[in-house]
Protein backbone atom coordinates (compact mmCIF):
# COMPACT_ATOMS: atom_id res chain seq x y z
CA MET A 1 -33.91 -8.34 9.71
CA PRO A 2 -36.46 -11.02 8.92
CA GLY A 3 -34.97 -14.22 7.55
CA LEU A 4 -35.97 -15.90 4.40
CA GLU A 5 -35.93 -19.59 5.45
CA THR A 6 -39.78 -19.97 5.00
CA ALA A 7 -40.05 -17.86 1.83
CA PRO A 8 -40.69 -19.56 -1.61
CA ALA A 9 -37.37 -20.23 -3.71
CA TRP A 10 -38.32 -17.59 -6.20
CA LEU A 11 -39.14 -15.05 -3.54
CA ALA A 12 -36.01 -15.76 -1.79
CA SER A 13 -33.95 -15.43 -4.96
CA LEU A 14 -35.55 -12.12 -5.85
CA LEU A 15 -34.86 -10.63 -2.28
CA ALA A 16 -31.29 -11.82 -2.45
CA ALA A 17 -30.61 -9.90 -5.85
CA PRO A 18 -27.93 -7.34 -5.27
CA TRP A 19 -29.54 -4.79 -7.39
CA LEU A 20 -32.84 -4.69 -5.37
CA PRO A 21 -31.66 -1.88 -2.96
CA TRP A 22 -30.89 0.22 -5.95
CA LEU A 23 -34.63 0.41 -7.24
CA PRO A 24 -35.87 2.85 -4.76
CA VAL A 25 -32.98 5.21 -5.91
CA LEU A 26 -33.20 4.58 -9.70
CA LEU A 27 -37.01 4.75 -9.92
CA PRO A 28 -37.41 8.33 -8.66
CA TRP A 29 -34.38 9.47 -10.87
CA LEU A 30 -36.02 7.75 -13.89
CA GLY A 31 -39.20 9.55 -12.95
CA ALA A 32 -37.49 12.89 -12.60
CA ALA A 33 -35.85 12.57 -16.08
CA VAL A 34 -39.35 11.77 -17.60
CA LEU A 35 -41.03 14.61 -15.74
CA SER A 36 -38.45 17.11 -17.01
CA TRP A 37 -39.97 16.45 -20.55
CA ILE A 38 -43.53 16.54 -19.67
CA THR A 39 -45.04 20.12 -20.44
CA SER A 40 -48.62 19.58 -18.76
CA SER A 41 -48.37 20.46 -15.15
CA THR A 42 -51.47 18.40 -14.35
CA VAL A 43 -50.01 15.17 -16.04
CA GLY A 44 -46.72 15.88 -14.35
CA ALA A 45 -48.08 16.28 -10.95
CA ARG A 46 -50.10 13.02 -11.35
CA LEU A 47 -46.86 11.13 -12.53
CA ASN A 48 -45.01 12.60 -9.60
CA VAL A 49 -47.59 10.98 -7.39
CA ALA A 50 -47.48 7.75 -9.27
CA VAL A 51 -43.73 7.36 -9.02
CA ALA A 52 -43.79 8.24 -5.28
CA ALA A 53 -46.49 5.45 -4.93
CA LEU A 54 -44.39 2.87 -6.74
CA THR A 55 -41.36 3.74 -4.59
CA LEU A 56 -43.01 3.06 -1.32
CA PRO A 57 -43.58 -0.58 -1.58
CA LEU A 58 -39.90 -1.01 -2.93
CA ILE A 59 -38.65 0.56 0.14
CA ALA A 60 -41.07 -1.51 2.30
CA ALA A 61 -39.55 -4.52 0.92
CA LEU A 62 -36.07 -3.58 2.19
CA PRO A 63 -36.30 -5.01 5.67
CA PHE A 64 -36.92 -8.40 4.26
CA LEU A 65 -33.65 -8.48 2.44
CA PRO A 66 -31.00 -10.99 3.67
CA GLY A 67 -29.29 -9.89 6.85
CA GLU A 68 -25.95 -10.62 5.36
CA ALA A 69 -26.39 -8.53 2.28
CA GLU A 70 -23.53 -6.21 1.64
CA GLY A 71 -22.51 -3.70 -1.03
CA LEU A 72 -22.46 -0.02 -1.70
CA LEU A 73 -26.07 0.16 -0.52
CA ARG A 74 -26.76 -1.75 2.78
CA PRO A 75 -30.17 -1.41 4.58
CA ASP A 76 -29.72 -1.91 8.47
CA ALA A 77 -31.48 -0.94 11.53
CA LEU A 78 -30.13 2.68 11.48
CA ASN A 79 -31.49 3.76 7.99
CA LEU A 80 -34.51 1.53 7.64
CA PRO A 81 -36.90 3.57 9.96
CA LEU A 82 -35.90 6.92 8.22
CA LEU A 83 -36.12 5.31 4.72
CA LEU A 84 -39.77 4.18 5.48
CA LEU A 85 -40.62 7.57 6.91
CA ALA A 86 -38.99 9.56 3.95
CA ALA A 87 -41.00 7.39 1.43
CA LEU A 88 -44.23 8.09 3.21
CA ILE A 89 -43.66 11.80 3.48
CA GLY A 90 -42.39 11.70 -0.12
CA LEU A 91 -45.67 10.18 -1.25
CA THR A 92 -47.90 12.41 0.87
CA GLY A 93 -45.88 15.53 -0.24
CA ALA A 94 -46.30 14.57 -3.90
CA ILE A 95 -50.28 14.28 -3.44
CA ALA A 96 -50.25 17.73 -1.68
CA SER A 97 -48.34 19.21 -4.70
CA LEU A 98 -50.96 17.86 -6.94
CA LEU A 99 -53.81 19.25 -4.90
CA GLN A 100 -52.14 22.53 -4.15
CA PRO A 101 -49.70 23.36 -7.05
CA PRO A 102 -46.62 25.52 -6.39
CA HIS A 103 -46.04 29.00 -7.63
CA GLU A 104 -47.36 29.59 -11.06
CA GLY A 105 -45.01 28.42 -13.84
CA THR A 106 -42.84 26.31 -11.42
CA ALA A 107 -44.95 22.99 -11.29
CA ARG A 108 -42.82 21.25 -13.90
CA ALA A 109 -39.55 21.95 -12.43
CA TRP A 110 -40.90 21.30 -8.87
CA ALA A 111 -42.15 17.79 -9.84
CA SER A 112 -38.93 16.88 -11.54
CA GLY A 113 -36.71 18.42 -8.84
CA TYR A 114 -38.83 16.77 -6.15
CA GLN A 115 -38.29 13.19 -7.59
CA ALA A 116 -34.78 13.73 -8.23
CA LEU A 117 -34.39 14.81 -4.46
CA LEU A 118 -36.10 11.79 -3.08
CA GLY A 119 -33.93 9.42 -4.96
CA THR A 120 -30.82 11.20 -3.84
CA ILE A 121 -32.09 11.20 -0.17
CA TYR A 122 -32.73 7.42 -0.52
CA LEU A 123 -29.29 6.95 -1.79
CA ALA A 124 -27.64 9.00 1.26
CA LEU A 125 -29.62 6.93 3.69
CA LEU A 126 -28.82 3.61 2.02
CA ALA A 127 -25.24 4.10 1.21
CA ASP A 128 -22.68 2.14 3.28
CA ASP A 129 -19.82 3.86 1.67
CA LEU A 130 -19.03 7.31 3.32
CA ALA A 131 -17.89 8.77 -0.09
CA LEU A 132 -21.10 7.78 -1.86
CA THR A 133 -23.13 9.23 1.02
CA TRP A 134 -21.07 12.46 0.59
CA MET A 135 -21.90 12.56 -3.16
CA ALA A 136 -25.54 11.96 -2.59
CA LEU A 137 -25.91 14.72 0.12
CA VAL A 138 -23.98 17.21 -2.12
CA LEU A 139 -26.29 16.50 -4.89
CA ALA A 140 -29.28 16.77 -2.80
CA GLY A 141 -28.12 20.21 -1.41
CA MET A 142 -27.81 21.48 -4.94
CA ILE A 143 -31.36 20.29 -5.73
CA VAL A 144 -32.81 22.04 -2.64
CA ALA A 145 -30.91 25.30 -3.95
CA MET A 146 -32.67 24.82 -7.16
CA LEU A 147 -35.98 24.27 -5.79
CA ALA A 148 -35.61 27.38 -3.70
CA ALA A 149 -34.75 29.48 -6.81
CA LEU A 150 -37.87 28.48 -8.82
CA ARG A 151 -39.71 31.73 -8.22
CA ARG A 152 -36.80 33.56 -9.75
CA GLY A 153 -37.19 36.93 -7.86
CA PRO A 154 -34.12 38.61 -6.36
CA ALA A 155 -34.94 37.08 -2.80
CA ALA A 156 -35.34 33.61 -4.17
CA LEU A 157 -32.03 33.90 -6.24
CA ALA A 158 -30.29 35.25 -3.04
CA ALA A 159 -31.49 32.34 -0.91
CA ALA A 160 -30.39 29.83 -3.72
CA TRP A 161 -26.92 31.30 -3.73
CA LYS A 162 -26.68 31.33 0.04
CA THR A 163 -27.58 27.56 0.13
CA VAL A 164 -25.05 26.93 -2.86
CA LEU A 165 -22.32 28.72 -1.01
CA LEU A 166 -22.77 27.51 2.57
CA GLY A 167 -23.64 24.00 1.27
CA GLY A 168 -20.51 23.89 -0.90
CA ALA A 169 -18.21 25.11 2.10
CA GLY A 170 -19.91 22.37 4.16
CA ALA A 171 -19.35 19.80 1.47
CA GLY A 172 -15.67 20.68 1.26
CA LEU A 173 -15.21 20.22 4.97
CA ALA A 174 -17.09 17.00 5.06
CA LEU A 175 -14.99 15.70 2.29
CA LEU A 176 -11.77 16.44 4.21
CA GLY A 177 -13.23 14.57 7.20
CA ILE A 178 -14.05 11.56 4.99
CA MET A 179 -10.50 11.42 3.71
CA VAL A 180 -9.19 11.58 7.20
CA PHE A 181 -11.43 8.74 8.23
CA GLY A 182 -10.01 6.88 5.15
CA MET A 183 -6.41 7.67 6.38
CA ALA A 184 -7.06 6.39 9.84
CA ALA A 185 -8.76 3.14 8.70
CA GLN A 186 -6.64 2.41 5.49
CA PRO A 187 -3.75 0.45 7.40
CA LEU A 188 -6.39 -1.63 9.13
CA ALA A 189 -9.22 -2.15 6.75
CA GLY A 190 -7.63 -2.24 3.44
CA SER A 191 -8.13 0.06 0.35
CA PRO A 192 -11.18 -1.89 -1.11
CA GLU A 193 -13.45 -1.13 1.84
CA THR A 194 -11.69 1.73 3.69
CA LEU A 195 -14.72 3.92 3.63
CA SER A 196 -17.46 1.21 4.43
CA PHE A 197 -19.27 2.33 7.62
CA HIS A 198 -19.62 -1.14 8.87
CA ALA A 199 -15.90 -1.84 7.99
CA LEU A 200 -14.98 1.38 9.97
CA LEU A 201 -16.90 0.18 12.85
CA ARG A 202 -14.87 -3.10 12.89
CA VAL A 203 -11.57 -1.42 12.80
CA GLY A 204 -12.25 1.85 14.79
CA ARG A 205 -10.92 0.71 18.16
CA GLU A 206 -7.47 0.09 16.58
CA ALA A 207 -7.50 3.25 14.25
CA GLU A 208 -5.53 6.33 15.15
CA SER A 209 -7.55 8.19 17.73
CA GLY A 210 -6.43 11.80 16.72
CA LEU A 211 -7.22 11.22 13.17
CA LEU A 212 -10.77 9.82 14.03
CA THR A 213 -11.42 12.81 16.19
CA LEU A 214 -10.25 15.24 13.48
CA GLY A 215 -12.39 13.39 10.87
CA PHE A 216 -15.45 13.77 13.11
CA VAL A 217 -14.95 17.40 13.75
CA LEU A 218 -14.78 18.09 10.02
CA VAL A 219 -17.68 15.86 9.15
CA LEU A 220 -19.84 17.59 11.92
CA ALA A 221 -18.95 21.06 10.58
CA GLY A 222 -19.69 20.09 6.95
CA TYR A 223 -22.67 18.09 7.35
CA GLY A 224 -24.06 20.27 10.08
CA VAL A 225 -24.71 22.86 7.52
CA LEU A 226 -27.12 20.70 5.52
CA ALA A 227 -28.65 19.38 8.73
CA GLY A 228 -29.39 22.91 9.89
CA LEU A 229 -27.30 22.70 13.18
CA VAL A 230 -26.67 26.09 14.83
CA PRO A 231 -24.47 28.21 14.12
CA LEU A 232 -24.57 26.54 10.61
CA HIS A 233 -28.12 27.13 9.92
CA ALA A 234 -28.26 30.48 8.01
CA TRP A 235 -29.41 29.00 4.50
CA LEU A 236 -32.35 27.21 5.91
CA PRO A 237 -34.97 30.02 6.88
CA ASP A 238 -34.18 31.76 3.56
CA ALA A 239 -34.67 28.68 1.41
CA GLN A 240 -37.93 27.72 2.99
CA ALA A 241 -39.10 31.28 2.91
CA GLU A 242 -38.42 31.86 -0.77
CA GLY A 243 -39.47 28.43 -2.05
CA PRO A 244 -42.38 28.29 -4.59
CA THR A 245 -44.56 26.77 -1.89
CA PRO A 246 -44.73 26.09 1.88
CA LEU A 247 -44.20 22.47 0.93
CA MET A 248 -40.52 23.48 0.63
CA ALA A 249 -40.34 22.41 4.28
CA ILE A 250 -40.50 18.69 3.07
CA PRO A 251 -37.21 18.80 0.92
CA CYS A 252 -35.44 20.69 3.55
CA THR A 253 -36.52 18.28 6.38
CA LEU A 254 -35.49 15.35 4.31
CA LEU A 255 -32.04 16.61 3.51
CA GLY A 256 -31.54 17.56 7.17
CA GLN A 257 -32.40 14.16 8.31
CA ALA A 258 -30.24 12.46 5.82
CA ALA A 259 -27.48 14.72 6.99
CA LEU A 260 -28.00 13.96 10.56
CA LEU A 261 -27.80 10.34 10.02
CA ALA A 262 -24.39 10.85 8.33
CA VAL A 263 -23.21 12.69 11.39
CA LEU A 264 -24.47 9.96 13.62
CA ARG A 265 -22.44 7.50 11.60
CA ALA A 266 -19.41 9.63 11.89
CA LYS A 267 -19.94 10.01 15.46
CA ALA A 268 -20.21 6.26 16.09
CA ILE A 269 -16.88 5.59 14.28
CA ALA A 270 -15.10 8.41 16.30
CA ALA A 271 -16.39 7.32 19.67
CA LEU A 272 -14.79 3.97 19.26
CA ASN A 273 -11.41 5.46 20.11
CA PRO A 274 -11.80 9.03 21.13
CA ALA A 275 -8.91 11.38 21.58
CA TRP A 276 -8.62 14.72 23.40
CA LEU A 277 -12.17 15.68 22.50
CA PRO A 278 -15.16 13.21 23.06
CA PRO A 279 -17.32 13.41 19.84
CA GLY A 280 -20.54 13.52 21.88
CA ALA A 281 -19.67 16.74 23.41
CA LEU A 282 -19.68 18.83 20.24
CA LEU A 283 -23.24 17.28 19.46
CA LEU A 284 -24.42 18.09 22.97
CA ALA A 285 -23.27 21.80 22.63
CA ALA A 286 -24.66 22.01 19.16
CA GLY A 287 -28.00 20.60 20.33
CA LEU A 288 -28.26 23.05 23.17
CA LEU A 289 -27.53 25.83 20.89
CA GLY A 290 -30.21 24.76 18.51
CA ILE A 291 -32.75 24.48 21.16
CA GLY A 292 -31.98 27.82 22.55
CA PHE A 293 -31.80 29.59 19.24
CA ALA A 294 -35.20 28.24 18.15
CA ALA A 295 -36.83 29.03 21.49
CA ALA A 296 -35.75 32.74 21.06
CA ALA A 297 -36.42 32.97 17.40
CA LEU A 298 -39.92 31.51 17.23
CA TRP A 299 -41.18 34.76 18.79
CA ARG A 300 -39.80 36.93 15.94
CA GLN A 301 -40.88 34.94 12.97
CA ARG A 302 -43.48 36.85 10.60
CA GLN A 303 -43.44 34.38 7.68
CA ALA A 304 -44.86 30.83 7.45
CA GLY A 305 -41.58 29.29 5.74
CA ARG A 306 -39.27 31.03 8.19
CA PHE A 307 -41.53 29.81 11.13
CA LEU A 308 -41.49 26.18 9.93
CA ALA A 309 -37.60 26.47 9.43
CA VAL A 310 -37.08 27.54 13.00
CA CYS A 311 -39.41 24.84 14.26
CA ALA A 312 -37.13 22.33 12.23
CA ILE A 313 -34.02 23.88 13.77
CA GLY A 314 -35.27 23.30 17.25
CA GLN A 315 -36.17 19.61 16.39
CA THR A 316 -32.68 19.20 14.97
CA GLY A 317 -31.15 20.43 18.05
CA LEU A 318 -33.01 17.89 20.23
CA VAL A 319 -31.86 15.14 17.73
CA ALA A 320 -28.13 16.33 17.93
CA PHE A 321 -28.47 16.43 21.86
CA ALA A 322 -29.69 12.90 21.82
CA PHE A 323 -26.98 11.61 19.49
CA GLY A 324 -24.44 13.35 21.62
CA LEU A 325 -25.61 11.52 24.78
CA GLY A 326 -25.45 8.21 22.78
CA GLY A 327 -26.49 4.76 24.23
CA PRO A 328 -30.30 4.42 24.57
CA ALA A 329 -30.67 8.20 23.82
CA VAL A 330 -29.88 7.33 20.18
CA MET A 331 -33.24 5.60 20.20
CA ALA A 332 -34.86 8.84 21.51
CA GLY A 333 -33.16 10.71 18.75
CA LEU A 334 -34.40 8.46 15.96
CA LEU A 335 -37.80 8.65 17.32
CA GLN A 336 -37.64 12.41 17.48
CA MET A 337 -36.51 12.50 13.89
CA MET A 338 -39.57 10.43 12.77
CA GLY A 339 -41.82 12.55 14.79
CA ALA A 340 -40.32 15.77 13.54
CA GLY A 341 -40.68 14.53 9.87
CA LEU A 342 -44.35 13.71 10.39
CA ALA A 343 -45.15 16.90 12.40
CA LEU A 344 -43.31 19.45 10.12
CA SER A 345 -44.89 17.99 6.88
CA ALA A 346 -48.41 18.08 8.52
CA ALA A 347 -47.83 21.50 9.36
CA ALA A 348 -46.59 22.38 5.95
CA PHE A 349 -49.76 20.73 4.44
CA ALA A 350 -51.95 22.97 6.63
CA LEU A 351 -50.05 26.19 6.02
CA THR A 352 -50.06 25.41 2.21
CA ARG A 353 -53.70 25.29 2.35
CA ALA A 354 -54.07 28.40 4.56
CA THR A 355 -51.78 30.32 2.38
CA ALA A 356 -53.87 29.47 -0.62
CA LEU A 357 -57.05 30.51 1.07
CA ARG A 358 -55.74 33.69 2.55
CA GLY A 359 -53.66 34.71 -0.36
CA GLU A 360 -50.53 35.61 1.94
CA ASP A 361 -47.92 33.81 3.75
CA GLY A 362 -47.40 36.29 6.61
CA MET A 363 -48.21 35.08 10.16
CA ALA A 364 -50.45 37.97 10.82
CA ALA A 365 -52.59 37.12 7.72
CA LEU A 366 -52.83 33.56 8.68
CA SER A 367 -54.09 34.10 12.18
CA GLY A 368 -57.34 32.93 13.62
CA LEU A 369 -57.47 29.85 11.31
CA ALA A 370 -59.73 27.92 13.72
CA ALA A 371 -62.43 30.67 13.59
CA SER A 372 -62.72 30.83 9.93
CA GLU A 373 -61.41 27.31 8.83
CA PRO A 374 -62.03 24.97 11.85
CA ARG A 375 -60.59 21.73 10.59
CA LEU A 376 -57.69 23.59 9.15
CA GLY A 377 -57.05 25.34 12.33
CA TRP A 378 -57.28 22.38 14.55
CA GLY A 379 -55.09 20.28 12.23
CA LEU A 380 -52.32 22.84 12.36
CA ALA A 381 -52.74 23.10 16.19
CA GLY A 382 -52.12 19.39 16.34
CA ALA A 383 -49.16 19.54 14.33
CA LEU A 384 -47.47 22.36 16.28
CA GLY A 385 -48.72 20.77 19.54
CA ALA A 386 -46.75 17.79 18.56
CA LEU A 387 -43.62 19.91 17.67
CA ALA A 388 -43.96 21.58 21.27
CA GLY A 389 -43.85 18.11 22.88
CA LEU A 390 -47.36 17.69 24.20
CA PRO A 391 -48.56 14.30 25.16
CA PRO A 392 -49.40 11.83 23.93
CA MET A 393 -47.47 12.50 20.62
CA THR A 394 -44.33 10.92 19.53
CA GLN A 395 -42.14 13.84 20.64
CA PHE A 396 -43.41 13.67 24.11
CA ILE A 397 -42.19 10.09 24.40
CA SER A 398 -38.81 10.74 22.69
CA GLU A 399 -38.29 13.99 24.91
CA PHE A 400 -39.23 12.17 28.06
CA LEU A 401 -36.74 9.24 27.22
CA LEU A 402 -34.18 11.93 26.40
CA VAL A 403 -34.47 13.79 29.80
CA GLN A 404 -34.53 10.54 31.48
CA GLN A 405 -31.28 9.40 29.90
CA ALA A 406 -29.64 13.05 30.71
CA VAL A 407 -30.54 12.72 34.33
CA ALA A 408 -29.10 9.18 34.55
CA ARG A 409 -25.93 9.62 32.46
CA LEU A 410 -25.16 13.47 32.68
CA PRO A 411 -26.97 14.87 35.47
CA TRP A 412 -25.33 18.45 35.29
CA ILE A 413 -26.62 18.97 31.69
CA ALA A 414 -30.18 17.84 32.43
CA LEU A 415 -30.81 21.32 33.82
CA PRO A 416 -30.05 23.44 30.63
CA LEU A 417 -31.73 20.60 28.67
CA GLY A 418 -34.98 20.99 30.64
CA VAL A 419 -34.98 24.70 30.48
CA GLY A 420 -34.57 24.53 26.78
CA LEU A 421 -37.32 22.19 26.38
CA VAL A 422 -39.76 24.29 28.39
CA ALA A 423 -38.74 27.47 26.50
CA LEU A 424 -39.01 25.90 23.20
CA ALA A 425 -42.51 24.32 24.02
CA ILE A 426 -43.62 27.93 25.43
CA ALA A 427 -42.50 29.68 22.22
CA THR A 428 -44.24 27.09 19.94
CA LEU A 429 -47.56 27.10 21.87
CA ALA A 430 -47.56 31.03 21.82
CA ARG A 431 -47.31 31.01 18.10
CA LEU A 432 -49.84 28.21 17.83
CA ARG A 433 -52.29 30.39 19.86
CA GLY A 434 -51.94 33.24 17.43
CA LEU A 435 -52.08 31.22 14.33
CA CYS A 436 -54.97 28.90 15.20
CA PHE A 437 -56.91 30.65 17.97
CA GLY A 438 -56.11 34.28 17.63
CA PRO A 439 -58.28 36.98 15.90
CA ALA A 440 -58.83 36.38 12.24
CA PRO A 441 -58.05 39.27 9.86
CA ALA A 442 -61.00 41.25 8.25
CA GLY A 443 -62.70 39.11 5.77
CA ALA A 444 -61.22 35.81 6.69
CA GLN A 445 -64.51 34.68 8.41
CA HIS A 446 -66.16 34.35 4.94
CA MET A 447 -63.64 31.95 3.70
CA ALA A 448 -64.17 28.05 3.73
CA ASP A 449 -61.80 25.13 3.68
CA GLY A 450 -64.12 22.91 1.74
CA GLY A 451 -63.65 21.71 -1.80
CA PRO A 452 -62.07 18.29 -2.91
CA GLY A 453 -58.47 19.76 -2.68
CA GLY A 454 -58.94 21.07 0.88
CA GLU A 455 -60.69 17.89 2.05
CA VAL A 456 -57.81 15.64 0.83
CA MET A 457 -55.12 18.12 2.03
CA MET A 458 -56.59 17.87 5.67
CA MET A 459 -56.82 14.02 5.28
CA LEU A 460 -52.97 14.07 4.49
CA ALA A 461 -52.35 16.17 7.59
CA GLY A 462 -54.71 13.98 9.67
CA LEU A 463 -52.87 10.70 8.51
CA HIS A 464 -49.59 12.25 9.75
CA LEU A 465 -51.33 13.31 13.11
CA LEU A 466 -52.72 9.72 13.51
CA LEU A 467 -49.32 8.25 12.93
CA LEU A 468 -47.77 10.62 15.64
CA LEU A 469 -50.51 9.68 18.01
CA ALA A 470 -49.97 6.00 17.28
CA LEU A 471 -46.32 6.16 17.70
CA GLY A 472 -46.80 8.10 20.99
CA LEU A 473 -49.36 5.60 22.43
CA PHE A 474 -48.11 2.28 20.94
CA LEU A 475 -44.76 1.71 19.32
CA PRO A 476 -45.10 -1.41 17.23
CA ALA A 477 -42.60 -4.13 18.25
CA PRO A 478 -40.76 -4.52 14.77
CA LEU A 479 -40.03 -0.67 14.92
CA ALA A 480 -39.08 -0.74 18.55
CA GLY A 481 -36.82 -3.70 17.75
CA LEU A 482 -35.21 -1.72 14.83
CA LEU A 483 -34.65 1.42 17.02
CA MET A 484 -32.96 -0.63 19.79
CA ASP A 485 -30.81 -2.29 17.23
CA ALA A 486 -29.76 1.00 15.84
CA ALA A 487 -28.80 2.17 19.40
CA ARG A 488 -26.74 -0.83 19.84
CA LEU A 489 -25.05 -0.46 16.47
CA VAL A 490 -23.86 3.14 16.99
CA GLY A 491 -23.52 2.98 20.85
């Protein structure tokens, strides 16, 4: 991280304040509390945008904190790229919620829950203490379940209960895994910092290998539910399908990425002293399962929310595979996470607008968007093309690096990875063809995607696509340095 040697004394003192990392967490929570009292949906939606806009510069300041800063919250090379991504997506998602409000009667609860979720995700990403990360992820899972239930119909309540039950079971397993990590490290690290991630990295080579492996298996099974890893993904399609808006993909994506980071931290600890089961092997298996499941399931999806959920499951599988390989492939996994977050949210913006124009969220009703709403159709095509791994988007670069690392390190697994990538790309492009360039339903040709709301929604999707293109063509040196530092940190 940048040093403070050349900064003015007052700025250096401010950046060294131990409470500064808490501001991006506390501000959204304060905003959620205020939003829960505001009855006007318009005022609440605008305040939602304002809080997200104020949080973004606070997170942007985190890379400039002193490198030696320690505490319950600790910015490092591993979480900073994901924090910046989450803050940007949080802001654009809040703007989209203002332009295209969720289901009637749910705007107030959506805005409040949205900010509560953002603060909790920032806490999960920033936390150095594994127990604090666990508490943040459990709370985030409960908020996602609440958001899924906002429409209050039988299907929405069933989806929320499935999220609560599966998430609760996962949380219990993850807690057991964290306790096992604490048991392994306690004789070496000392009780005050037993569950600190950086402390566990220091003592992991001397800790009991069997306990570390058991702890990782439990954490993977627990957080795998929240991340949407196959076969622990059953809640995700239902939650996104029954949410009050296609923008439900954004909370689910952010929750999954925070859970994946927690899995990566646990894998880094267990890999220091592996026992009978290398921790990367389980992630490789889960990754291949996720890629294969998504490639097969994409053909069968008939609803926009479920379609986006299956796309997210495929991206999660690719990230898990990269984390399982370890080494430089971790850089590919983090880059894949960033690209997936941008592409899935851009697709959510386009599908939210398309659903409002067509009045339905079925894939058949949304077909032929490029014919009736050209900018909308081409914007969605760009987002789905990025998810398919088309060049020169971010995912193409990350998947190229992933295949390269697989061939170099585990040649025998490169073939199933390549087959999975091709199958996933074909399935995604086939659905892209129907949605964007297929025949439009009767009457759709008379619709228009104009109006101030439609213009700005497409600008938001365009911003994400430009970032995907920029990261694919030119990776900024500071970001590349952070990703390389992250790969070295977790091995």
